[in-house]
Amino acid sequence: MLNAFLVALAVFICVGGAELIGFTMLNRPIIIGPLVGLFLGDLHTGVVVGASLEAVFMGVVNIGGASAAEPGIATAVGAAFAIMLGKGSEVALTLALPIGILGLQIKTVLYIFVVGMFAKTFDRLAAEGKERQIIFLHYGLWTVNWALYSLVAFLGILFGSDAVSALLEAIPEVVMNGLTVCGGLLPAVGMAMLMKMLWDKKICMFYFLGFVLAAYLNLPLIALAVLGVIIAISIGMSDYRMNQLASQRAALPAASGAVETYELDEEEEEFFS
């Protein structure tokens, strides 16, 4: 029971904490593995498991629907079983992927049914200017969401690896496919939200340019990113030059007015002298 609670606490601190403070490396295996090892009294195994799983999940960055597995809970549970069973990182590597896939699906469900239900409530409170209620609801939802998520690790350690495997196999394939499809829709939703905030007729041609380059010329993401940086720098330099010209034009009338006033003062002095 104590080990299950400590592993769940590590998940709550690292995975939930990363979502709260935005310190994304906090939920990486290289951080969670040693923390679980420290909690369970075997720091060496925790470091080894964390490093091993970091190499496995190094390229996994879950953004929108581009999701594969949740490395945080996979590392926590895998490291815990490796320490408790005394079989090293082999156990962690075996359990990491299925637990990570399950954790990601549960994470998506919690976002939809726990956090997503209060989106309109946040909008209403913001419109009414109720800042304290927004803060309370924000931290309250964060606590509930990640406490429920940590229960996955708690129950996994409490009932053992066989129960976790049985749970994965018991989930109907249609449910897993449905969750996968829902996750695949998230990039479109995220792109629509960004376009709603950033859409501008002056720069919309770059959106279509990027679409053509990616869809028809099959340029890799690195090439698209480099092109985006070049375009952004070019626009920034152009705007900087325009601002300098505007400042110079604004200064010219004032300077010319000062010169005319100086000439008039000299003429007046010569006339009265």
Protein backbone atom coordinates (compact mmCIF):
# COMPACT_ATOMS: atom_id res chain seq x y z
CA MET A 1 0.00 0.00 0.00
CA LEU A 2 2.78 2.44 0.94
CA ASN A 3 4.74 1.71 -2.24
CA ALA A 4 1.62 2.25 -4.34
CA PHE A 5 1.00 5.60 -2.64
CA LEU A 6 4.61 6.74 -3.15
CA VAL A 7 4.57 5.85 -6.84
CA ALA A 8 1.25 7.68 -7.28
CA LEU A 9 2.75 10.67 -5.45
CA ALA A 10 5.69 10.70 -7.86
CA VAL A 11 3.27 10.71 -10.82
CA PHE A 12 1.23 13.50 -9.25
CA ILE A 13 4.30 15.65 -8.55
CA CYS A 14 6.10 15.11 -11.85
CA VAL A 15 3.38 14.69 -14.47
CA GLY A 16 0.83 16.95 -12.79
CA GLY A 17 3.49 19.45 -11.77
CA ALA A 18 4.76 19.72 -15.33
CA GLU A 19 1.26 20.60 -16.48
CA LEU A 20 0.88 23.19 -13.73
CA ILE A 21 4.16 25.10 -13.90
CA GLY A 22 5.07 24.40 -17.52
CA PHE A 23 8.46 22.85 -16.65
CA THR A 24 8.14 20.15 -19.31
CA MET A 25 11.27 18.17 -18.40
CA LEU A 26 9.74 17.40 -15.01
CA ASN A 27 7.64 14.62 -16.52
CA ARG A 28 10.48 12.93 -18.39
CA PRO A 29 11.71 9.41 -17.46
CA ILE A 30 15.14 10.73 -16.49
CA ILE A 31 13.44 12.72 -13.70
CA ILE A 32 10.66 10.36 -12.62
CA GLY A 33 12.82 7.22 -12.53
CA PRO A 34 15.28 8.53 -9.92
CA LEU A 35 12.43 10.05 -7.89
CA VAL A 36 10.61 6.70 -7.72
CA GLY A 37 13.89 5.03 -6.82
CA LEU A 38 14.42 7.55 -4.05
CA PHE A 39 10.92 7.00 -2.68
CA LEU A 40 11.28 3.19 -2.77
CA GLY A 41 14.81 3.12 -1.37
CA ASP A 42 16.72 2.05 -4.50
CA LEU A 43 18.03 5.17 -6.18
CA HIS A 44 20.51 3.27 -8.36
CA THR A 45 17.82 1.17 -10.03
CA GLY A 46 15.65 4.25 -10.43
CA VAL A 47 18.44 6.10 -12.24
CA VAL A 48 19.17 3.10 -14.50
CA VAL A 49 15.50 2.61 -15.37
CA GLY A 50 14.99 6.34 -15.91
CA ALA A 51 17.97 6.56 -18.26
CA SER A 52 16.89 3.42 -20.16
CA LEU A 53 13.33 4.64 -20.64
CA GLU A 54 14.50 8.14 -21.53
CA ALA A 55 16.36 6.58 -24.46
CA VAL A 56 13.15 4.77 -25.44
CA PHE A 57 10.85 7.79 -25.10
CA MET A 58 13.38 10.43 -26.15
CA GLY A 59 11.53 11.21 -29.37
CA VAL A 60 8.06 11.06 -27.80
CA VAL A 61 6.57 14.54 -27.46
CA ASN A 62 2.78 14.39 -27.20
CA ILE A 63 1.39 17.51 -28.87
CA GLY A 64 -2.31 17.50 -29.70
CA GLY A 65 -3.16 14.33 -31.55
CA ALA A 66 0.47 13.54 -32.40
CA SER A 67 0.59 11.19 -29.42
CA ALA A 68 2.14 7.79 -28.85
CA ALA A 69 2.44 7.09 -25.13
CA GLU A 70 2.68 8.93 -21.84
CA PRO A 71 6.28 8.39 -20.63
CA GLY A 72 5.70 9.74 -17.12
CA ILE A 73 3.36 7.08 -15.75
CA ALA A 74 5.13 4.39 -17.81
CA THR A 75 8.41 5.21 -16.09
CA ALA A 76 6.90 5.45 -12.63
CA VAL A 77 5.16 2.08 -12.77
CA GLY A 78 7.97 0.39 -14.68
CA ALA A 79 10.64 1.59 -12.25
CA ALA A 80 8.51 0.57 -9.28
CA PHE A 81 8.06 -2.99 -10.55
CA ALA A 82 11.76 -3.20 -11.45
CA ILE A 83 12.66 -2.28 -7.87
CA MET A 84 9.96 -4.35 -6.15
CA LEU A 85 10.59 -7.50 -8.23
CA GLY A 86 14.36 -7.04 -8.24
CA LYS A 87 14.71 -7.87 -11.96
CA GLY A 88 16.24 -4.64 -13.20
CA SER A 89 15.37 -2.52 -16.18
CA GLU A 90 14.15 -5.49 -18.28
CA VAL A 91 10.85 -5.49 -16.38
CA ALA A 92 10.48 -1.73 -16.80
CA LEU A 93 11.11 -1.90 -20.54
CA THR A 94 8.52 -4.66 -20.93
CA LEU A 95 5.79 -2.82 -19.04
CA ALA A 96 6.57 0.73 -20.14
CA LEU A 97 4.89 0.80 -23.55
CA PRO A 98 1.50 -0.77 -22.68
CA ILE A 99 1.24 1.27 -19.47
CA GLY A 100 2.23 4.41 -21.36
CA ILE A 101 -0.45 3.80 -24.00
CA LEU A 102 -3.09 3.21 -21.33
CA GLY A 103 -1.96 6.28 -19.42
CA LEU A 104 -2.25 8.46 -22.50
CA GLN A 105 -5.80 7.29 -23.20
CA ILE A 106 -6.84 7.90 -19.60
CA LYS A 107 -5.17 11.31 -19.71
CA THR A 108 -7.19 12.21 -22.81
CA VAL A 109 -10.44 11.04 -21.22
CA LEU A 110 -9.78 13.10 -18.09
CA TYR A 111 -9.05 16.19 -20.15
CA ILE A 112 -12.35 15.77 -21.97
CA PHE A 113 -14.68 14.83 -19.11
CA VAL A 114 -13.08 16.59 -16.13
CA VAL A 115 -11.43 19.72 -17.49
CA GLY A 116 -13.32 20.21 -20.73
CA MET A 117 -16.72 20.33 -19.02
CA PHE A 118 -15.77 23.58 -17.26
CA ALA A 119 -14.62 25.52 -20.34
CA LYS A 120 -17.85 27.54 -20.49
CA THR A 121 -17.68 28.12 -16.75
CA PHE A 122 -14.26 29.72 -17.15
CA ASP A 123 -15.60 31.94 -19.95
CA ARG A 124 -18.55 33.01 -17.82
CA LEU A 125 -16.39 33.80 -14.78
CA ALA A 126 -13.95 35.74 -16.96
CA ALA A 127 -16.80 37.78 -18.46
CA GLU A 128 -18.06 38.54 -14.95
CA GLY A 129 -14.57 39.48 -13.75
CA LYS A 130 -14.53 36.90 -10.94
CA GLU A 131 -10.79 36.39 -10.68
CA ARG A 132 -10.75 34.56 -7.36
CA GLN A 133 -13.30 31.99 -8.54
CA ILE A 134 -11.22 31.39 -11.69
CA ILE A 135 -8.09 30.77 -9.61
CA PHE A 136 -9.94 28.43 -7.25
CA LEU A 137 -11.50 26.48 -10.12
CA HIS A 138 -8.19 26.28 -11.96
CA TYR A 139 -6.27 24.77 -9.06
CA GLY A 140 -9.24 22.64 -8.01
CA LEU A 141 -9.56 21.05 -11.45
CA TRP A 142 -5.81 20.52 -11.60
CA THR A 143 -5.87 18.69 -8.27
CA VAL A 144 -8.84 16.50 -9.18
CA ASN A 145 -7.57 15.73 -12.68
CA TRP A 146 -4.11 14.60 -11.62
CA ALA A 147 -5.29 12.86 -8.48
CA LEU A 148 -7.50 10.68 -10.66
CA TYR A 149 -4.66 10.15 -13.10
CA SER A 150 -2.32 9.12 -10.28
CA LEU A 151 -4.84 6.45 -9.28
CA VAL A 152 -3.77 4.50 -12.38
CA ALA A 153 -0.26 4.17 -10.98
CA PHE A 154 -1.61 3.50 -7.48
CA LEU A 155 -3.90 0.67 -8.63
CA GLY A 156 -1.25 -0.71 -10.96
CA ILE A 157 1.26 -1.11 -8.14
CA LEU A 158 -1.38 -2.24 -5.67
CA PHE A 159 -2.78 -5.05 -7.79
CA GLY A 160 0.38 -6.00 -9.71
CA SER A 161 1.54 -6.23 -13.30
CA ASP A 162 -0.83 -9.09 -14.13
CA ALA A 163 -3.81 -6.92 -13.29
CA VAL A 164 -2.47 -4.10 -15.46
CA SER A 165 -2.00 -6.45 -18.42
CA ALA A 166 -5.47 -7.93 -17.87
CA LEU A 167 -6.98 -4.45 -17.81
CA LEU A 168 -5.33 -3.58 -21.11
CA GLU A 169 -6.62 -6.74 -22.71
CA ALA A 170 -10.12 -6.25 -21.28
CA ILE A 171 -10.61 -2.84 -22.92
CA PRO A 172 -12.65 -3.41 -26.12
CA GLU A 173 -10.81 -2.68 -29.30
CA VAL A 174 -13.60 -0.38 -30.46
CA VAL A 175 -13.05 1.79 -27.36
CA MET A 176 -9.31 2.01 -27.96
CA ASN A 177 -9.91 2.85 -31.61
CA GLY A 178 -12.44 5.50 -30.62
CA LEU A 179 -10.01 7.13 -28.24
CA THR A 180 -7.33 7.04 -30.92
CA VAL A 181 -9.67 8.72 -33.42
CA CYS A 182 -10.58 11.38 -30.86
CA GLY A 183 -6.91 12.03 -30.27
CA GLY A 184 -6.38 12.33 -34.01
CA LEU A 185 -8.95 15.14 -34.14
CA LEU A 186 -7.05 17.25 -31.63
CA PRO A 187 -4.52 18.67 -34.13
CA ALA A 188 -7.36 20.06 -36.25
CA VAL A 189 -8.97 21.62 -33.18
CA GLY A 190 -5.67 23.10 -32.05
CA MET A 191 -4.93 24.48 -35.50
CA ALA A 192 -8.40 26.01 -35.71
CA MET A 193 -7.94 27.71 -32.33
CA LEU A 194 -4.57 29.12 -33.38
CA MET A 195 -5.91 30.34 -36.70
CA LYS A 196 -8.86 32.01 -34.99
CA MET A 197 -6.48 34.02 -32.80
CA LEU A 198 -3.72 34.71 -35.33
CA TRP A 199 -5.52 34.91 -38.67
CA ASP A 200 -4.59 38.05 -40.57
CA LYS A 201 -5.22 38.84 -44.22
CA LYS A 202 -1.74 40.34 -44.53
CA ILE A 203 0.06 37.11 -43.64
CA CYS A 204 -2.47 34.42 -44.53
CA MET A 205 -0.57 33.64 -47.75
CA PHE A 206 2.21 32.09 -45.66
CA TYR A 207 -0.26 29.56 -44.26
CA PHE A 208 -1.19 28.40 -47.74
CA LEU A 209 2.47 28.46 -48.76
CA GLY A 210 3.33 26.11 -45.89
CA PHE A 211 0.45 23.82 -46.80
CA VAL A 212 1.62 23.57 -50.41
CA LEU A 213 5.23 22.95 -49.39
CA ALA A 214 4.24 20.20 -46.96
CA ALA A 215 1.48 18.53 -48.99
CA TYR A 216 2.84 18.68 -52.53
CA LEU A 217 6.61 19.11 -52.22
CA ASN A 218 6.88 16.78 -49.19
CA LEU A 219 9.38 19.00 -47.41
CA PRO A 220 10.42 17.68 -43.98
CA LEU A 221 9.52 19.53 -40.81
CA ILE A 222 13.06 20.82 -40.32
CA ALA A 223 13.05 22.44 -43.75
CA LEU A 224 9.65 24.01 -43.07
CA ALA A 225 10.87 25.30 -39.71
CA VAL A 226 13.96 26.87 -41.32
CA LEU A 227 11.81 28.52 -43.98
CA GLY A 228 9.49 29.82 -41.28
CA VAL A 229 12.42 31.33 -39.37
CA ILE A 230 13.76 32.98 -42.54
CA ILE A 231 10.35 34.46 -43.34
CA ALA A 232 9.88 35.66 -39.76
CA ILE A 233 13.32 37.33 -39.72
CA SER A 234 12.63 38.97 -43.10
CA ILE A 235 9.28 40.34 -41.92
CA GLY A 236 10.83 41.53 -38.67
CA MET A 237 13.65 43.36 -40.46
CA SER A 238 11.17 44.92 -42.89
CA ASP A 239 8.96 46.12 -40.03
CA TYR A 240 12.02 47.51 -38.24
CA ARG A 241 13.05 49.52 -41.31
CA MET A 242 9.50 50.81 -41.73
CA ASN A 243 9.41 51.94 -38.11
CA GLN A 244 12.73 53.73 -38.55
CA LEU A 245 11.45 55.52 -41.66
CA ALA A 246 8.27 56.52 -39.84
CA SER A 247 10.30 57.90 -36.94
CA GLN A 248 12.52 59.88 -39.31
CA ARG A 249 9.52 61.32 -41.14
CA ALA A 250 7.93 62.34 -37.84
CA ALA A 251 11.14 64.09 -36.80
CA LEU A 252 11.58 66.00 -40.08
CA PRO A 253 8.67 68.49 -39.65
CA ALA A 254 9.79 69.33 -36.12
CA ALA A 255 13.36 69.89 -37.25
CA SER A 256 12.34 72.03 -40.24
CA GLY A 257 10.04 74.07 -38.02
CA ALA A 258 12.89 74.73 -35.62
CA VAL A 259 15.15 75.90 -38.47
CA GLU A 260 12.46 78.28 -39.78
CA THR A 261 11.92 79.72 -36.30
CA TYR A 262 15.66 80.26 -35.89
CA GLU A 263 15.85 82.11 -39.25
CA LEU A 264 12.87 84.33 -38.32
CA ASP A 265 14.47 85.24 -35.01
CA GLU A 266 17.65 86.30 -36.78
CA GLU A 267 15.71 88.50 -39.24
CA GLU A 268 13.81 90.17 -36.37
CA GLU A 269 17.05 90.95 -34.54
CA GLU A 270 18.61 92.47 -37.67
CA PHE A 271 15.47 94.59 -38.30
CA PHE A 272 15.33 96.07 -34.78
CA SER A 273 19.06 96.59 -34.44
